[in-house]
Amino acid sequence: MSDRFVIQDVAISGVSVLTRLPREDERGWFERVYDTEDLAGLLGARTVAQVNRTYTKRQGSVRGLHVQGPPSADAKIVSCTRGAVFDVAVDLRRGSPTFGRWHGEELSEANRKSLFIPEGVAHGFQALVDDCELLYVHTAPYDPTAENGVLATDPAVSIRWPLAVQHLSKRDAGLPALGSASEGIAL
């Protein structure tokens, strides 16, 4: 048990919600976003390969649903450091009992939550307010040849986005429906 994180599993195997526990005093607070020892139960033998940051200007914007396949499949920890987002994980793992199911979680600077997303699970989010920043900790470097994903508005997945989906990039709008990936990602 960590005094830096509360870890809660969700209905999709391997996906967890992390709540960061700050240390506060009269000056303010300090919180750990990542810790190899405290998160060893989630990470196993994985190591951090990249840390990325994204900024989304407009409320309603959706990014994703992205996943990297082998040989560059990666797990990630996603944290919102400014604003608030509806963060989504969709299971695309071949043979998984929760294949095609999704889990959504509000991440915000106020609630200090992060989402741990294992290999083979697609990720996307919707900005709930203007000016959102996210921090991603990845276990593999970005590999454009391993890039995959599912359309965020795919009726087969039926994500209940809190706001009307807006501002999809051309790339994200062109992602396939789940039916195109019906066999799933072999890991």
N, C-alpha and C. Protein backbone atom coordinates (compact mmCIF):
# COMPACT_ATOMS: atom_id res chain seq x y z
N MET A 1 0.84 -1.19 0.00
CA MET A 1 0.00 0.00 0.00
C MET A 1 0.88 1.24 0.00
N SER A 2 0.58 2.15 -0.88
CA SER A 2 1.37 3.37 -1.03
C SER A 2 0.70 4.53 -0.29
N ASP A 3 1.51 5.42 0.23
CA ASP A 3 0.94 6.64 0.82
C ASP A 3 0.96 7.78 -0.21
N ARG A 4 1.29 7.46 -1.46
CA ARG A 4 1.31 8.44 -2.55
C ARG A 4 0.18 8.26 -3.55
N PHE A 5 -0.39 7.03 -3.61
CA PHE A 5 -1.43 6.71 -4.59
C PHE A 5 -2.49 5.80 -3.98
N VAL A 6 -3.73 6.01 -4.40
CA VAL A 6 -4.79 5.03 -4.19
C VAL A 6 -5.03 4.42 -5.57
N ILE A 7 -5.02 3.09 -5.66
CA ILE A 7 -5.17 2.40 -6.94
C ILE A 7 -6.46 1.59 -6.90
N GLN A 8 -7.35 1.85 -7.90
CA GLN A 8 -8.62 1.14 -7.99
C GLN A 8 -8.74 0.49 -9.35
N ASP A 9 -9.03 -0.79 -9.38
CA ASP A 9 -9.27 -1.49 -10.63
C ASP A 9 -10.66 -1.16 -11.14
N VAL A 10 -10.83 -1.27 -12.46
CA VAL A 10 -12.14 -1.05 -13.08
C VAL A 10 -12.56 -2.34 -13.78
N ALA A 11 -13.68 -2.31 -14.48
CA ALA A 11 -14.24 -3.53 -15.09
C ALA A 11 -13.41 -4.09 -16.23
N ILE A 12 -12.51 -3.31 -16.81
CA ILE A 12 -11.64 -3.80 -17.87
C ILE A 12 -10.33 -4.26 -17.23
N SER A 13 -10.00 -5.51 -17.41
CA SER A 13 -8.81 -6.09 -16.80
C SER A 13 -7.55 -5.29 -17.15
N GLY A 14 -6.79 -4.95 -16.12
CA GLY A 14 -5.53 -4.24 -16.31
C GLY A 14 -5.65 -2.73 -16.30
N VAL A 15 -6.86 -2.19 -16.45
CA VAL A 15 -7.07 -0.73 -16.41
C VAL A 15 -7.33 -0.35 -14.95
N SER A 16 -6.66 0.70 -14.49
CA SER A 16 -6.82 1.14 -13.10
C SER A 16 -6.88 2.66 -13.03
N VAL A 17 -7.60 3.13 -12.02
CA VAL A 17 -7.64 4.56 -11.71
C VAL A 17 -6.68 4.80 -10.56
N LEU A 18 -5.79 5.75 -10.75
CA LEU A 18 -4.85 6.14 -9.70
C LEU A 18 -5.27 7.50 -9.18
N THR A 19 -5.35 7.64 -7.87
CA THR A 19 -5.60 8.96 -7.28
C THR A 19 -4.33 9.35 -6.54
N ARG A 20 -3.76 10.48 -6.94
CA ARG A 20 -2.53 10.96 -6.32
C ARG A 20 -2.85 11.61 -4.97
N LEU A 21 -2.05 11.30 -3.97
CA LEU A 21 -2.25 11.84 -2.63
C LEU A 21 -1.16 12.87 -2.34
N PRO A 22 -1.51 14.15 -2.35
CA PRO A 22 -0.50 15.18 -2.15
C PRO A 22 -0.07 15.28 -0.70
N ARG A 23 1.10 15.83 -0.53
CA ARG A 23 1.59 16.22 0.80
C ARG A 23 1.42 17.73 0.87
N GLU A 24 0.67 18.19 1.84
CA GLU A 24 0.35 19.62 1.92
C GLU A 24 0.85 20.23 3.21
N ASP A 25 1.17 21.51 3.13
CA ASP A 25 1.46 22.31 4.31
C ASP A 25 1.07 23.76 3.99
N GLU A 26 1.45 24.67 4.82
CA GLU A 26 1.04 26.07 4.65
C GLU A 26 1.57 26.70 3.35
N ARG A 27 2.60 26.11 2.75
CA ARG A 27 3.18 26.64 1.52
C ARG A 27 2.42 26.19 0.28
N GLY A 28 1.71 25.07 0.39
CA GLY A 28 1.04 24.51 -0.78
C GLY A 28 1.10 23.00 -0.73
N TRP A 29 1.38 22.35 -1.85
CA TRP A 29 1.40 20.89 -1.90
C TRP A 29 2.46 20.38 -2.86
N PHE A 30 2.76 19.08 -2.69
CA PHE A 30 3.66 18.34 -3.55
C PHE A 30 3.00 16.99 -3.80
N GLU A 31 2.98 16.55 -5.05
CA GLU A 31 2.45 15.23 -5.34
C GLU A 31 3.34 14.52 -6.33
N ARG A 32 3.39 13.21 -6.20
CA ARG A 32 4.14 12.37 -7.11
C ARG A 32 3.21 11.93 -8.23
N VAL A 33 3.64 12.11 -9.48
CA VAL A 33 2.84 11.70 -10.64
C VAL A 33 3.19 10.27 -11.04
N TYR A 34 4.43 9.89 -10.81
CA TYR A 34 4.92 8.56 -11.17
C TYR A 34 5.95 8.13 -10.15
N ASP A 35 5.92 6.84 -9.78
CA ASP A 35 6.91 6.28 -8.87
C ASP A 35 7.06 4.80 -9.18
N THR A 36 8.25 4.39 -9.58
CA THR A 36 8.51 3.01 -9.96
C THR A 36 8.16 2.03 -8.84
N GLU A 37 8.54 2.35 -7.62
CA GLU A 37 8.28 1.44 -6.50
C GLU A 37 6.80 1.39 -6.14
N ASP A 38 6.17 2.56 -5.99
CA ASP A 38 4.76 2.59 -5.60
C ASP A 38 3.85 1.98 -6.65
N LEU A 39 4.25 2.02 -7.90
CA LEU A 39 3.41 1.53 -9.00
C LEU A 39 3.90 0.19 -9.55
N ALA A 40 4.81 -0.47 -8.85
CA ALA A 40 5.38 -1.74 -9.32
C ALA A 40 4.31 -2.79 -9.55
N GLY A 41 3.25 -2.79 -8.76
CA GLY A 41 2.18 -3.76 -8.94
C GLY A 41 1.46 -3.60 -10.27
N LEU A 42 1.39 -2.39 -10.78
CA LEU A 42 0.79 -2.13 -12.08
C LEU A 42 1.78 -2.33 -13.21
N LEU A 43 2.99 -1.87 -13.01
CA LEU A 43 3.97 -1.81 -14.10
C LEU A 43 4.73 -3.11 -14.31
N GLY A 44 4.87 -3.92 -13.27
CA GLY A 44 5.66 -5.13 -13.42
C GLY A 44 7.07 -4.79 -13.87
N ALA A 45 7.54 -5.44 -14.94
CA ALA A 45 8.91 -5.23 -15.44
C ALA A 45 8.99 -4.07 -16.44
N ARG A 46 7.86 -3.40 -16.72
CA ARG A 46 7.88 -2.29 -17.69
C ARG A 46 8.73 -1.14 -17.17
N THR A 47 9.33 -0.42 -18.08
CA THR A 47 10.08 0.79 -17.74
C THR A 47 9.50 1.97 -18.51
N VAL A 48 9.80 3.16 -18.07
CA VAL A 48 9.32 4.36 -18.75
C VAL A 48 10.23 4.66 -19.93
N ALA A 49 9.62 4.83 -21.10
CA ALA A 49 10.38 5.13 -22.32
C ALA A 49 10.18 6.58 -22.76
N GLN A 50 9.02 7.15 -22.47
CA GLN A 50 8.71 8.52 -22.90
C GLN A 50 7.76 9.16 -21.91
N VAL A 51 7.86 10.48 -21.78
CA VAL A 51 6.86 11.27 -21.08
C VAL A 51 6.45 12.37 -22.06
N ASN A 52 5.14 12.43 -22.33
CA ASN A 52 4.61 13.39 -23.31
C ASN A 52 3.56 14.27 -22.65
N ARG A 53 3.36 15.43 -23.25
CA ARG A 53 2.37 16.37 -22.75
C ARG A 53 1.54 16.86 -23.92
N THR A 54 0.23 17.02 -23.71
CA THR A 54 -0.64 17.53 -24.76
C THR A 54 -1.48 18.68 -24.23
N TYR A 55 -1.81 19.59 -25.12
CA TYR A 55 -2.65 20.74 -24.79
C TYR A 55 -3.83 20.74 -25.75
N THR A 56 -5.02 20.88 -25.23
CA THR A 56 -6.24 20.94 -26.05
C THR A 56 -6.94 22.25 -25.74
N LYS A 57 -7.14 23.05 -26.79
CA LYS A 57 -7.69 24.40 -26.63
C LYS A 57 -9.17 24.45 -26.29
N ARG A 58 -9.98 23.60 -26.98
CA ARG A 58 -11.42 23.84 -26.94
C ARG A 58 -12.22 22.71 -26.31
N GLN A 59 -13.16 23.11 -25.47
CA GLN A 59 -14.13 22.20 -24.86
C GLN A 59 -14.84 21.41 -25.95
N GLY A 60 -15.07 20.14 -25.70
CA GLY A 60 -15.75 19.28 -26.66
C GLY A 60 -14.82 18.54 -27.60
N SER A 61 -13.59 19.01 -27.73
CA SER A 61 -12.61 18.37 -28.61
C SER A 61 -12.35 16.95 -28.14
N VAL A 62 -12.24 16.03 -29.10
CA VAL A 62 -11.93 14.63 -28.79
C VAL A 62 -10.63 14.27 -29.50
N ARG A 63 -9.75 13.60 -28.77
CA ARG A 63 -8.52 13.04 -29.33
C ARG A 63 -8.58 11.53 -29.12
N GLY A 64 -8.26 10.77 -30.16
CA GLY A 64 -8.23 9.32 -30.04
C GLY A 64 -9.37 8.70 -30.82
N LEU A 65 -9.43 7.46 -30.67
CA LEU A 65 -8.94 6.46 -29.72
C LEU A 65 -7.72 5.78 -30.31
N HIS A 66 -6.57 5.92 -29.68
CA HIS A 66 -5.29 5.44 -30.21
C HIS A 66 -4.75 4.27 -29.41
N VAL A 67 -4.02 3.41 -30.12
CA VAL A 67 -3.31 2.30 -29.50
C VAL A 67 -2.14 1.93 -30.41
N GLN A 68 -1.05 1.49 -29.82
CA GLN A 68 0.08 0.96 -30.59
C GLN A 68 0.07 -0.56 -30.48
N GLY A 69 0.23 -1.22 -31.62
CA GLY A 69 0.31 -2.68 -31.62
C GLY A 69 1.75 -3.14 -31.51
N PRO A 70 1.94 -4.46 -31.44
CA PRO A 70 3.29 -5.01 -31.40
C PRO A 70 4.06 -4.65 -32.67
N PRO A 71 5.33 -4.51 -32.60
CA PRO A 71 6.19 -4.79 -31.45
C PRO A 71 6.36 -3.60 -30.51
N SER A 72 5.58 -2.53 -30.72
CA SER A 72 5.74 -1.30 -29.94
C SER A 72 4.56 -1.03 -29.02
N ALA A 73 3.80 -2.08 -28.67
CA ALA A 73 2.67 -1.89 -27.76
C ALA A 73 3.15 -1.25 -26.47
N ASP A 74 2.37 -0.30 -25.98
CA ASP A 74 2.79 0.39 -24.76
C ASP A 74 1.65 0.50 -23.77
N ALA A 75 2.03 0.51 -22.50
CA ALA A 75 1.13 0.86 -21.42
C ALA A 75 1.35 2.35 -21.16
N LYS A 76 0.35 2.99 -20.57
CA LYS A 76 0.52 4.42 -20.29
C LYS A 76 -0.24 4.81 -19.04
N ILE A 77 0.26 5.85 -18.41
CA ILE A 77 -0.44 6.50 -17.31
C ILE A 77 -0.77 7.90 -17.81
N VAL A 78 -2.06 8.25 -17.78
CA VAL A 78 -2.52 9.53 -18.29
C VAL A 78 -3.03 10.36 -17.11
N SER A 79 -2.52 11.61 -17.00
CA SER A 79 -2.92 12.51 -15.93
C SER A 79 -3.31 13.86 -16.53
N CYS A 80 -4.35 14.46 -15.99
CA CYS A 80 -4.75 15.81 -16.39
C CYS A 80 -4.14 16.79 -15.40
N THR A 81 -3.30 17.68 -15.89
CA THR A 81 -2.61 18.63 -15.01
C THR A 81 -3.21 20.03 -15.07
N ARG A 82 -4.12 20.25 -16.03
CA ARG A 82 -4.83 21.52 -16.11
C ARG A 82 -6.18 21.30 -16.79
N GLY A 83 -7.25 21.79 -16.18
CA GLY A 83 -8.57 21.64 -16.75
C GLY A 83 -9.22 20.34 -16.31
N ALA A 84 -10.05 19.79 -17.19
CA ALA A 84 -10.77 18.54 -16.90
C ALA A 84 -11.10 17.84 -18.21
N VAL A 85 -10.94 16.52 -18.23
CA VAL A 85 -11.23 15.72 -19.42
C VAL A 85 -12.03 14.48 -19.02
N PHE A 86 -12.75 13.93 -20.00
CA PHE A 86 -13.38 12.62 -19.87
C PHE A 86 -12.44 11.67 -20.59
N ASP A 87 -11.72 10.85 -19.84
CA ASP A 87 -10.68 9.97 -20.37
C ASP A 87 -11.27 8.58 -20.57
N VAL A 88 -10.97 7.96 -21.72
CA VAL A 88 -11.61 6.70 -22.09
C VAL A 88 -10.57 5.65 -22.47
N ALA A 89 -10.81 4.42 -22.01
CA ALA A 89 -10.02 3.25 -22.39
C ALA A 89 -10.97 2.25 -23.05
N VAL A 90 -10.57 1.70 -24.22
CA VAL A 90 -11.37 0.71 -24.93
C VAL A 90 -10.51 -0.53 -25.14
N ASP A 91 -11.00 -1.66 -24.67
CA ASP A 91 -10.25 -2.91 -24.76
C ASP A 91 -10.26 -3.44 -26.19
N LEU A 92 -9.08 -3.53 -26.81
CA LEU A 92 -8.93 -4.07 -28.16
C LEU A 92 -8.07 -5.34 -28.18
N ARG A 93 -7.87 -5.96 -27.03
CA ARG A 93 -7.00 -7.13 -26.94
C ARG A 93 -7.71 -8.39 -27.45
N ARG A 94 -7.07 -9.04 -28.39
CA ARG A 94 -7.61 -10.29 -28.95
C ARG A 94 -7.84 -11.30 -27.83
N GLY A 95 -9.04 -11.87 -27.80
CA GLY A 95 -9.36 -12.90 -26.81
C GLY A 95 -9.75 -12.38 -25.44
N SER A 96 -9.72 -11.08 -25.24
CA SER A 96 -10.06 -10.53 -23.93
C SER A 96 -11.55 -10.67 -23.67
N PRO A 97 -11.94 -11.06 -22.45
CA PRO A 97 -13.37 -11.17 -22.15
C PRO A 97 -14.09 -9.81 -22.17
N THR A 98 -13.34 -8.72 -22.11
CA THR A 98 -13.96 -7.39 -22.16
C THR A 98 -13.67 -6.68 -23.48
N PHE A 99 -13.33 -7.45 -24.53
CA PHE A 99 -13.06 -6.87 -25.84
C PHE A 99 -14.22 -5.97 -26.27
N GLY A 100 -13.88 -4.76 -26.72
CA GLY A 100 -14.89 -3.82 -27.22
C GLY A 100 -15.56 -2.99 -26.14
N ARG A 101 -15.34 -3.32 -24.88
CA ARG A 101 -15.93 -2.53 -23.79
C ARG A 101 -15.07 -1.32 -23.49
N TRP A 102 -15.69 -0.29 -22.94
CA TRP A 102 -14.98 0.93 -22.62
C TRP A 102 -15.19 1.31 -21.16
N HIS A 103 -14.24 2.08 -20.66
CA HIS A 103 -14.36 2.68 -19.33
C HIS A 103 -14.01 4.15 -19.46
N GLY A 104 -14.84 5.02 -18.90
CA GLY A 104 -14.57 6.46 -18.91
C GLY A 104 -14.41 6.98 -17.50
N GLU A 105 -13.53 7.94 -17.36
CA GLU A 105 -13.21 8.50 -16.04
C GLU A 105 -12.91 9.98 -16.20
N GLU A 106 -13.50 10.82 -15.36
CA GLU A 106 -13.12 12.23 -15.39
C GLU A 106 -11.77 12.38 -14.70
N LEU A 107 -10.84 12.98 -15.42
CA LEU A 107 -9.53 13.32 -14.86
C LEU A 107 -9.46 14.84 -14.83
N SER A 108 -8.98 15.38 -13.72
CA SER A 108 -8.86 16.84 -13.63
C SER A 108 -7.73 17.21 -12.71
N GLU A 109 -7.32 18.46 -12.81
CA GLU A 109 -6.30 18.92 -11.87
C GLU A 109 -6.86 18.90 -10.46
N ALA A 110 -8.18 19.08 -10.31
CA ALA A 110 -8.79 19.12 -8.98
C ALA A 110 -8.92 17.74 -8.34
N ASN A 111 -9.30 16.70 -9.13
CA ASN A 111 -9.51 15.39 -8.50
C ASN A 111 -8.25 14.53 -8.44
N ARG A 112 -7.17 14.97 -9.08
CA ARG A 112 -5.86 14.31 -8.99
C ARG A 112 -5.89 12.85 -9.43
N LYS A 113 -6.78 12.50 -10.35
CA LYS A 113 -6.86 11.13 -10.83
C LYS A 113 -6.03 10.96 -12.10
N SER A 114 -5.54 9.73 -12.28
CA SER A 114 -4.84 9.32 -13.49
C SER A 114 -5.46 8.00 -13.92
N LEU A 115 -5.27 7.64 -15.18
CA LEU A 115 -5.74 6.35 -15.67
C LEU A 115 -4.54 5.56 -16.15
N PHE A 116 -4.41 4.32 -15.65
CA PHE A 116 -3.39 3.39 -16.14
C PHE A 116 -4.05 2.54 -17.21
N ILE A 117 -3.44 2.52 -18.41
CA ILE A 117 -3.99 1.81 -19.55
C ILE A 117 -2.93 0.84 -20.06
N PRO A 118 -3.21 -0.48 -20.01
CA PRO A 118 -2.22 -1.47 -20.44
C PRO A 118 -2.15 -1.61 -21.96
N GLU A 119 -1.20 -2.37 -22.42
CA GLU A 119 -1.01 -2.66 -23.83
C GLU A 119 -2.29 -3.24 -24.43
N GLY A 120 -2.60 -2.83 -25.65
CA GLY A 120 -3.77 -3.37 -26.35
C GLY A 120 -5.08 -2.70 -26.01
N VAL A 121 -5.04 -1.71 -25.15
CA VAL A 121 -6.24 -0.96 -24.78
C VAL A 121 -6.10 0.45 -25.38
N ALA A 122 -7.06 0.83 -26.22
CA ALA A 122 -7.02 2.13 -26.88
C ALA A 122 -7.36 3.24 -25.88
N HIS A 123 -6.84 4.43 -26.17
CA HIS A 123 -7.04 5.59 -25.30
C HIS A 123 -7.52 6.79 -26.09
N GLY A 124 -8.41 7.54 -25.49
CA GLY A 124 -8.84 8.81 -26.05
C GLY A 124 -9.43 9.67 -24.94
N PHE A 125 -9.70 10.93 -25.26
CA PHE A 125 -10.30 11.80 -24.25
C PHE A 125 -11.07 12.93 -24.91
N GLN A 126 -11.97 13.52 -24.12
CA GLN A 126 -12.71 14.71 -24.53
C GLN A 126 -12.44 15.81 -23.52
N ALA A 127 -12.10 17.01 -24.01
CA ALA A 127 -11.91 18.17 -23.14
C ALA A 127 -13.27 18.62 -22.62
N LEU A 128 -13.41 18.69 -21.31
CA LEU A 128 -14.66 19.14 -20.70
C LEU A 128 -14.70 20.64 -20.51
N VAL A 129 -13.55 21.28 -20.59
CA VAL A 129 -13.43 22.73 -20.49
C VAL A 129 -12.37 23.17 -21.50
N ASP A 130 -12.28 24.45 -21.75
CA ASP A 130 -11.21 24.97 -22.59
C ASP A 130 -9.88 24.83 -21.86
N ASP A 131 -8.81 24.77 -22.63
CA ASP A 131 -7.44 24.82 -22.11
C ASP A 131 -7.09 23.67 -21.16
N CYS A 132 -7.02 22.46 -21.70
CA CYS A 132 -6.67 21.26 -20.92
C CYS A 132 -5.26 20.80 -21.27
N GLU A 133 -4.54 20.38 -20.26
CA GLU A 133 -3.22 19.78 -20.46
C GLU A 133 -3.20 18.40 -19.84
N LEU A 134 -2.62 17.46 -20.59
CA LEU A 134 -2.46 16.09 -20.10
C LEU A 134 -1.00 15.71 -20.13
N LEU A 135 -0.61 14.87 -19.20
CA LEU A 135 0.74 14.33 -19.11
C LEU A 135 0.63 12.82 -19.27
N TYR A 136 1.43 12.26 -20.19
CA TYR A 136 1.42 10.83 -20.48
C TYR A 136 2.78 10.23 -20.12
N VAL A 137 2.77 9.13 -19.38
CA VAL A 137 3.97 8.35 -19.12
C VAL A 137 3.81 7.07 -19.94
N HIS A 138 4.71 6.81 -20.90
CA HIS A 138 4.61 5.67 -21.82
C HIS A 138 5.72 4.66 -21.54
N THR A 139 5.40 3.38 -21.75
CA THR A 139 6.39 2.32 -21.56
C THR A 139 7.10 1.93 -22.85
N ALA A 140 6.73 2.54 -23.97
CA ALA A 140 7.43 2.31 -25.24
C ALA A 140 7.43 3.61 -26.02
N PRO A 141 8.45 3.85 -26.82
CA PRO A 141 8.46 5.07 -27.64
C PRO A 141 7.40 5.01 -28.73
N TYR A 142 7.00 6.17 -29.19
CA TYR A 142 6.03 6.26 -30.28
C TYR A 142 6.61 5.62 -31.53
N ASP A 143 5.80 4.78 -32.19
CA ASP A 143 6.21 4.10 -33.41
C ASP A 143 5.08 4.25 -34.42
N PRO A 144 5.21 5.14 -35.40
CA PRO A 144 4.12 5.36 -36.35
C PRO A 144 3.73 4.11 -37.13
N THR A 145 4.64 3.15 -37.28
CA THR A 145 4.30 1.93 -38.02
C THR A 145 3.43 0.97 -37.19
N ALA A 146 3.36 1.20 -35.88
CA ALA A 146 2.56 0.35 -35.00
C ALA A 146 1.23 1.01 -34.60
N GLU A 147 0.99 2.18 -35.15
CA GLU A 147 -0.19 2.97 -34.79
C GLU A 147 -1.47 2.30 -35.25
N ASN A 148 -2.47 2.33 -34.39
CA ASN A 148 -3.77 1.74 -34.68
C ASN A 148 -4.79 2.52 -33.87
N GLY A 149 -6.05 2.13 -33.98
CA GLY A 149 -7.08 2.81 -33.20
C GLY A 149 -8.47 2.46 -33.67
N VAL A 150 -9.43 3.12 -33.05
CA VAL A 150 -10.85 2.93 -33.35
C VAL A 150 -11.51 4.30 -33.35
N LEU A 151 -12.47 4.47 -34.22
CA LEU A 151 -13.22 5.72 -34.34
C LEU A 151 -13.94 6.03 -33.02
N ALA A 152 -13.75 7.24 -32.51
CA ALA A 152 -14.32 7.65 -31.22
C ALA A 152 -15.84 7.65 -31.22
N THR A 153 -16.45 7.81 -32.39
CA THR A 153 -17.91 7.86 -32.48
C THR A 153 -18.51 6.56 -33.00
N ASP A 154 -17.76 5.48 -32.98
CA ASP A 154 -18.22 4.19 -33.49
C ASP A 154 -19.43 3.71 -32.68
N PRO A 155 -20.57 3.50 -33.34
CA PRO A 155 -21.76 3.03 -32.62
C PRO A 155 -21.57 1.64 -31.98
N ALA A 156 -20.66 0.83 -32.52
CA ALA A 156 -20.42 -0.50 -31.93
C ALA A 156 -19.78 -0.39 -30.55
N VAL A 157 -19.02 0.67 -30.32
CA VAL A 157 -18.42 0.89 -29.00
C VAL A 157 -19.37 1.67 -28.11
N SER A 158 -20.10 2.62 -28.68
CA SER A 158 -21.14 3.41 -27.98
C SER A 158 -20.64 4.15 -26.75
N ILE A 159 -19.54 4.86 -26.91
CA ILE A 159 -19.05 5.69 -25.80
C ILE A 159 -20.05 6.81 -25.56
N ARG A 160 -20.41 7.01 -24.31
CA ARG A 160 -21.32 8.10 -23.93
C ARG A 160 -20.48 9.33 -23.58
N TRP A 161 -20.06 10.04 -24.62
CA TRP A 161 -19.27 11.25 -24.42
C TRP A 161 -20.14 12.29 -23.70
N PRO A 162 -19.61 13.00 -22.71
CA PRO A 162 -20.42 13.96 -21.96
C PRO A 162 -20.91 15.14 -22.80
N LEU A 163 -20.16 15.52 -23.82
CA LEU A 163 -20.49 16.66 -24.68
C LEU A 163 -20.57 16.18 -26.12
N ALA A 164 -21.15 16.99 -26.98
CA ALA A 164 -21.14 16.66 -28.40
C ALA A 164 -19.68 16.55 -28.85
N VAL A 165 -19.38 15.51 -29.63
CA VAL A 165 -18.02 15.30 -30.12
C VAL A 165 -17.72 16.37 -31.17
N GLN A 166 -16.62 17.08 -30.95
CA GLN A 166 -16.21 18.16 -31.85
C GLN A 166 -14.72 18.09 -32.11
N HIS A 167 -14.32 18.76 -33.14
CA HIS A 167 -12.90 19.03 -33.42
C HIS A 167 -12.05 17.77 -33.51
N LEU A 168 -12.56 16.70 -34.14
CA LEU A 168 -11.74 15.52 -34.39
C LEU A 168 -10.70 15.87 -35.45
N SER A 169 -9.49 15.41 -35.29
CA SER A 169 -8.49 15.62 -36.33
C SER A 169 -8.87 14.77 -37.55
N LYS A 170 -8.29 15.10 -38.67
CA LYS A 170 -8.54 14.32 -39.89
C LYS A 170 -8.12 12.85 -39.66
N ARG A 171 -6.98 12.68 -39.02
CA ARG A 171 -6.48 11.33 -38.73
C ARG A 171 -7.46 10.55 -37.84
N ASP A 172 -7.94 11.18 -36.76
CA ASP A 172 -8.85 10.50 -35.84
C ASP A 172 -10.20 10.22 -36.49
N ALA A 173 -10.68 11.13 -37.31
CA ALA A 173 -11.95 10.93 -38.01
C ALA A 173 -11.86 9.77 -39.01
N GLY A 174 -10.65 9.44 -39.44
CA GLY A 174 -10.44 8.36 -40.39
C GLY A 174 -10.12 7.01 -39.77
N LEU A 175 -10.11 6.94 -38.44
CA LEU A 175 -9.83 5.65 -37.79
C LEU A 175 -10.97 4.67 -38.09
N PRO A 176 -10.66 3.37 -38.13
CA PRO A 176 -11.69 2.38 -38.48
C PRO A 176 -12.70 2.17 -37.35
N ALA A 177 -13.83 1.59 -37.72
CA ALA A 177 -14.82 1.15 -36.74
C ALA A 177 -14.32 -0.12 -36.08
N LEU A 178 -14.90 -0.47 -34.96
CA LEU A 178 -14.49 -1.67 -34.22
C LEU A 178 -14.61 -2.92 -35.08
N GLY A 179 -15.62 -2.99 -35.93
CA GLY A 179 -15.80 -4.15 -36.80
C GLY A 179 -14.57 -4.44 -37.65
N SER A 180 -13.83 -3.39 -38.02
CA SER A 180 -12.61 -3.56 -38.81
C SER A 180 -11.50 -4.20 -37.99
N ALA A 181 -11.60 -4.08 -36.67
CA ALA A 181 -10.57 -4.63 -35.78
C ALA A 181 -11.18 -5.75 -34.94
N SER A 182 -12.19 -6.43 -35.49
CA SER A 182 -12.97 -7.37 -34.69
C SER A 182 -12.16 -8.52 -34.10
N GLU A 183 -11.02 -8.83 -34.70
CA GLU A 183 -10.18 -9.89 -34.13
C GLU A 183 -9.36 -9.38 -32.95
N GLY A 184 -9.17 -8.09 -32.89
CA GLY A 184 -8.40 -7.51 -31.79
C GLY A 184 -6.91 -7.52 -32.05
N ILE A 185 -6.17 -6.98 -31.12
CA ILE A 185 -4.73 -6.86 -31.20
C ILE A 185 -4.10 -8.04 -30.47
N ALA A 186 -3.28 -8.80 -31.17
CA ALA A 186 -2.55 -9.91 -30.54
C ALA A 186 -1.32 -9.35 -29.88
N LEU A 187 -1.17 -9.62 -28.61
CA LEU A 187 -0.01 -9.09 -27.87
C LEU A 187 1.00 -10.17 -27.60
